């Protein structure tokens, strides 16, 4: 029972993390200063095809899965199915949160757009905190970063920078070719690439321990109860 409860808590944290991550990205889209590197390609596809960001998020992540298989020369059906399920969940979140965000007035002034962008950075960081703390399957883009790190013998941090740069470059190229503008890429993309990691680096040491404690809470209570029983047995 304890294992089931622990799994359910991790799953709750994971789902909420993905929701906040999508909400942060949606707010950054409304800011219209450029989206974060991880979402730049799906948003570029959306701008050039007219299809929703959620659908294009699914398409982009399927592409990331295919690149993973091509680089690693290994296909794990179970792993791919799990990544697809996560992709469909995140894609549906993207459309839902973008719909919610668009119910509010669009920021017209540059100041308001920057405020939206800054808010989005913190919400994305909160989402990533839950997503990473849950320690459940990674989304295809993150899994691809690990594959790049492994295949090219790079440190993960360097592989992350490399994958982000490539993703942004392809997104910019797609936008330039089809809509003759940078579209998904802007100053906000650079700001997000730098500051989300900084914010996450500030948030995780301070708040992750409380989430982990919440996940392990029942185990601690059971351990405490077991110790009390042992003490009573000894004293009796």
Protein backbone atom coordinates (compact mmCIF):
# COMPACT_ATOMS: atom_id res chain seq x y z
CA UNK A 1 0.00 0.00 0.00
CA UNK A 2 2.81 2.40 0.86
CA UNK A 3 4.42 1.76 -2.54
CA UNK A 4 1.11 2.50 -4.30
CA UNK A 5 0.61 5.74 -2.36
CA UNK A 6 4.17 6.82 -3.08
CA UNK A 7 3.70 6.12 -6.81
CA UNK A 8 0.43 8.06 -6.85
CA UNK A 9 2.10 11.06 -5.20
CA UNK A 10 4.93 10.99 -7.73
CA UNK A 11 2.41 10.72 -10.56
CA UNK A 12 0.44 13.67 -9.16
CA UNK A 13 3.62 15.73 -8.93
CA UNK A 14 4.57 14.72 -12.48
CA UNK A 15 1.18 15.63 -13.99
CA UNK A 16 1.07 18.96 -12.14
CA UNK A 17 4.65 19.66 -13.18
CA UNK A 18 3.79 19.15 -16.85
CA UNK A 19 0.70 21.34 -16.45
CA UNK A 20 2.68 24.25 -14.97
CA UNK A 21 5.38 23.77 -17.59
CA UNK A 22 2.80 24.08 -20.37
CA UNK A 23 1.18 27.06 -18.62
CA UNK A 24 4.53 28.86 -18.46
CA UNK A 25 5.16 28.22 -22.13
CA UNK A 26 1.66 29.46 -23.02
CA UNK A 27 2.21 32.69 -21.08
CA UNK A 28 5.53 33.20 -22.90
CA UNK A 29 3.69 32.74 -26.22
CA UNK A 30 1.30 35.50 -25.18
CA UNK A 31 4.27 37.73 -24.32
CA UNK A 32 5.31 37.41 -27.98
CA UNK A 33 9.00 37.99 -27.27
CA UNK A 34 10.16 34.50 -28.23
CA UNK A 35 9.49 31.18 -26.52
CA UNK A 36 11.90 28.96 -24.61
CA UNK A 37 14.25 26.73 -26.65
CA UNK A 38 12.39 23.51 -25.77
CA UNK A 39 9.14 24.90 -27.25
CA UNK A 40 10.62 26.87 -30.13
CA UNK A 41 10.31 24.14 -32.77
CA UNK A 42 6.68 23.17 -31.97
CA UNK A 43 5.70 26.85 -31.95
CA UNK A 44 7.52 27.40 -35.26
CA UNK A 45 5.62 24.46 -36.77
CA UNK A 46 2.37 25.96 -35.44
CA UNK A 47 3.10 29.38 -36.95
CA UNK A 48 3.92 27.91 -40.34
CA UNK A 49 1.11 25.33 -40.58
CA UNK A 50 -1.72 27.07 -38.78
CA UNK A 51 -2.28 23.97 -36.63
CA UNK A 52 -2.46 24.23 -32.85
CA UNK A 53 0.64 24.40 -30.67
CA UNK A 54 -0.50 21.22 -28.90
CA UNK A 55 -0.68 19.21 -32.13
CA UNK A 56 2.67 20.54 -33.28
CA UNK A 57 4.16 19.73 -29.86
CA UNK A 58 3.16 16.11 -30.46
CA UNK A 59 4.61 16.19 -33.99
CA UNK A 60 7.91 17.73 -32.83
CA UNK A 61 8.28 15.21 -30.00
CA UNK A 62 7.63 12.29 -32.34
CA UNK A 63 10.48 13.73 -34.41
CA UNK A 64 12.66 13.84 -31.27
CA UNK A 65 11.88 10.15 -30.62
CA UNK A 66 12.91 9.27 -34.18
CA UNK A 67 16.19 11.18 -33.77
CA UNK A 68 16.82 9.33 -30.50
CA UNK A 69 16.39 5.99 -32.29
CA UNK A 70 18.60 7.12 -35.17
CA UNK A 71 21.43 8.31 -32.91
CA UNK A 72 21.37 5.41 -30.47
CA UNK A 73 20.58 2.76 -33.12
CA UNK A 74 18.30 1.21 -30.52
CA UNK A 75 14.51 0.97 -30.49
CA UNK A 76 12.73 0.17 -27.25
CA UNK A 77 9.01 -0.19 -28.00
CA UNK A 78 7.92 0.18 -24.36
CA UNK A 79 10.06 3.27 -23.83
CA UNK A 80 8.80 4.85 -27.05
CA UNK A 81 5.16 4.20 -26.15
CA UNK A 82 5.65 5.78 -22.71
CA UNK A 83 7.30 8.83 -24.31
CA UNK A 84 4.40 9.09 -26.77
CA UNK A 85 1.86 8.99 -23.94
CA UNK A 86 3.72 11.77 -22.12
CA UNK A 87 3.89 13.73 -25.39
CA UNK A 88 0.12 13.47 -25.95
CA UNK A 89 -0.51 14.59 -22.37
CA UNK A 90 1.81 17.58 -22.69
CA UNK A 91 0.40 18.46 -26.12
CA UNK A 92 -3.15 18.48 -24.74
CA UNK A 93 -1.97 20.63 -21.83
CA UNK A 94 -0.43 23.10 -24.28
CA UNK A 95 -3.70 23.64 -26.12
CA UNK A 96 -5.70 23.81 -22.88
CA UNK A 97 -3.41 26.30 -21.13
CA UNK A 98 -3.03 28.46 -24.23
CA UNK A 99 -6.83 28.60 -24.46
CA UNK A 100 -7.02 29.68 -20.80
CA UNK A 101 -4.29 32.30 -21.17
CA UNK A 102 -5.94 33.75 -24.28
CA UNK A 103 -9.11 34.41 -22.27
CA UNK A 104 -7.21 37.28 -20.63
CA UNK A 105 -6.37 40.51 -22.48
CA UNK A 106 -3.31 40.29 -24.71
CA UNK A 107 -0.44 42.43 -23.36
CA UNK A 108 -0.16 45.38 -25.69
CA UNK A 109 2.70 47.41 -24.23
CA UNK A 110 6.32 46.32 -24.14
CA UNK A 111 6.32 46.56 -20.34
CA UNK A 112 3.37 44.19 -20.01
CA UNK A 113 4.94 41.76 -22.46
CA UNK A 114 8.12 41.67 -20.37
CA UNK A 115 6.06 41.13 -17.23
CA UNK A 116 4.33 38.18 -18.92
CA UNK A 117 7.70 36.78 -19.96
CA UNK A 118 9.19 37.08 -16.47
CA UNK A 119 6.12 35.40 -14.92
CA UNK A 120 6.42 32.60 -17.47
CA UNK A 121 10.03 31.91 -16.45
CA UNK A 122 9.04 31.30 -12.83
CA UNK A 123 6.04 29.16 -13.75
CA UNK A 124 8.18 27.04 -16.10
CA UNK A 125 10.75 26.61 -13.30
CA UNK A 126 7.99 25.49 -10.90
CA UNK A 127 6.79 23.00 -13.51
CA UNK A 128 10.29 21.64 -14.00
CA UNK A 129 10.71 21.30 -10.23
CA UNK A 130 7.70 18.99 -10.03
CA UNK A 131 8.55 17.18 -13.27
CA UNK A 132 12.12 16.36 -12.26
CA UNK A 133 11.34 15.62 -8.60
CA UNK A 134 8.76 12.99 -9.59
CA UNK A 135 11.54 10.99 -11.31
CA UNK A 136 9.21 9.48 -13.89
CA UNK A 137 9.85 9.06 -17.65
CA UNK A 138 11.36 12.06 -19.39
CA UNK A 139 9.72 13.83 -22.30
CA UNK A 140 11.31 13.03 -25.69
CA UNK A 141 13.24 16.31 -25.87
CA UNK A 142 14.92 15.71 -22.50
CA UNK A 143 15.53 12.04 -23.32
CA UNK A 144 17.15 13.13 -26.60
CA UNK A 145 19.57 15.33 -24.64
CA UNK A 146 20.71 12.27 -22.67
CA UNK A 147 21.17 10.33 -25.94
CA UNK A 148 23.28 13.18 -27.38
CA UNK A 149 25.34 13.23 -24.19
CA UNK A 150 25.92 9.47 -24.37
CA UNK A 151 26.56 9.17 -28.10
CA UNK A 152 28.94 12.13 -28.38
CA UNK A 153 30.60 11.66 -24.97
CA UNK A 154 29.52 15.10 -23.78
CA UNK A 155 28.76 16.31 -20.30
CA UNK A 156 25.00 16.59 -19.89
CA UNK A 157 25.20 20.37 -19.44
CA UNK A 158 27.07 20.73 -22.74
CA UNK A 159 24.66 18.35 -24.48
CA UNK A 160 21.75 20.43 -23.17
CA UNK A 161 23.24 23.62 -24.58
CA UNK A 162 23.92 21.88 -27.89
CA UNK A 163 20.39 20.50 -28.23
CA UNK A 164 18.86 23.86 -27.30
CA UNK A 165 20.98 25.73 -29.88
CA UNK A 166 20.13 23.22 -32.61
CA UNK A 167 16.44 23.32 -31.73
CA UNK A 168 16.34 27.12 -31.83
CA UNK A 169 18.35 27.22 -35.07
CA UNK A 170 15.97 24.80 -36.82
CA UNK A 171 12.95 26.72 -35.47
CA UNK A 172 14.37 30.01 -36.75
CA UNK A 173 15.13 28.46 -40.15
CA UNK A 174 11.60 27.05 -40.45
CA UNK A 175 10.10 30.45 -39.64
CA UNK A 176 12.42 32.34 -42.03
CA UNK A 177 11.65 29.96 -44.91
CA UNK A 178 7.87 29.82 -44.48
CA UNK A 179 6.81 33.12 -42.88
CA UNK A 180 9.86 35.31 -43.59
CA UNK A 181 10.42 36.21 -39.92
CA UNK A 182 12.05 34.69 -36.85
CA UNK A 183 8.57 33.97 -35.46
CA UNK A 184 9.13 31.63 -32.50
CA UNK A 185 12.62 32.96 -31.78
CA UNK A 186 13.33 36.30 -30.12
CA UNK A 187 14.95 38.00 -27.17
CA UNK A 188 12.62 36.01 -24.91
CA UNK A 189 14.21 32.79 -26.20
CA UNK A 190 17.66 33.93 -25.08
CA UNK A 191 16.30 35.18 -21.75
CA UNK A 192 14.50 31.87 -21.14
CA UNK A 193 17.55 29.80 -22.13
CA UNK A 194 19.67 31.60 -19.54
CA UNK A 195 17.31 32.42 -16.68
CA UNK A 196 15.12 29.31 -16.42
CA UNK A 197 18.18 27.28 -15.43
CA UNK A 198 19.21 29.99 -12.97
CA UNK A 199 15.76 30.14 -11.40
CA UNK A 200 15.55 26.35 -11.22
CA UNK A 201 18.99 26.28 -9.61
CA UNK A 202 17.65 28.65 -6.94
CA UNK A 203 14.29 26.88 -6.46
CA UNK A 204 15.39 23.22 -6.30
CA UNK A 205 17.76 23.39 -3.29
CA UNK A 206 15.15 25.32 -1.32
CA UNK A 207 11.90 23.50 -2.13
CA UNK A 208 12.65 20.06 -3.59
CA UNK A 209 13.34 18.65 -0.11
CA UNK A 210 9.77 19.46 0.95
CA UNK A 211 8.33 17.66 -2.08
CA UNK A 212 10.53 14.63 -1.43
CA UNK A 213 9.49 14.67 2.23
CA UNK A 214 5.83 14.73 1.15
CA UNK A 215 6.40 11.74 -1.15
CA UNK A 216 8.15 9.78 1.62
CA UNK A 217 5.80 10.93 4.40
CA UNK A 218 3.89 7.68 4.87
CA UNK A 219 7.08 5.65 4.86
CA UNK A 220 8.43 7.86 7.66
CA UNK A 221 5.20 7.46 9.63
CA UNK A 222 5.28 3.68 9.21
CA UNK A 223 8.92 3.58 10.25
CA UNK A 224 8.12 5.68 13.33
CA UNK A 225 5.19 3.44 14.24
CA UNK A 226 7.37 0.35 13.79
CA UNK A 227 10.05 1.85 16.08
CA UNK A 228 7.43 2.57 18.74
CA UNK A 229 6.18 -1.03 18.58
CA UNK A 230 9.75 -2.33 18.90
CA UNK A 231 10.37 -0.08 21.89
CA UNK A 232 7.21 -1.34 23.59
CA UNK A 233 8.20 -4.96 22.92
CA UNK A 234 11.60 -4.38 24.43
CA UNK A 235 10.26 -2.57 27.51
CA UNK A 236 7.66 -5.27 28.07
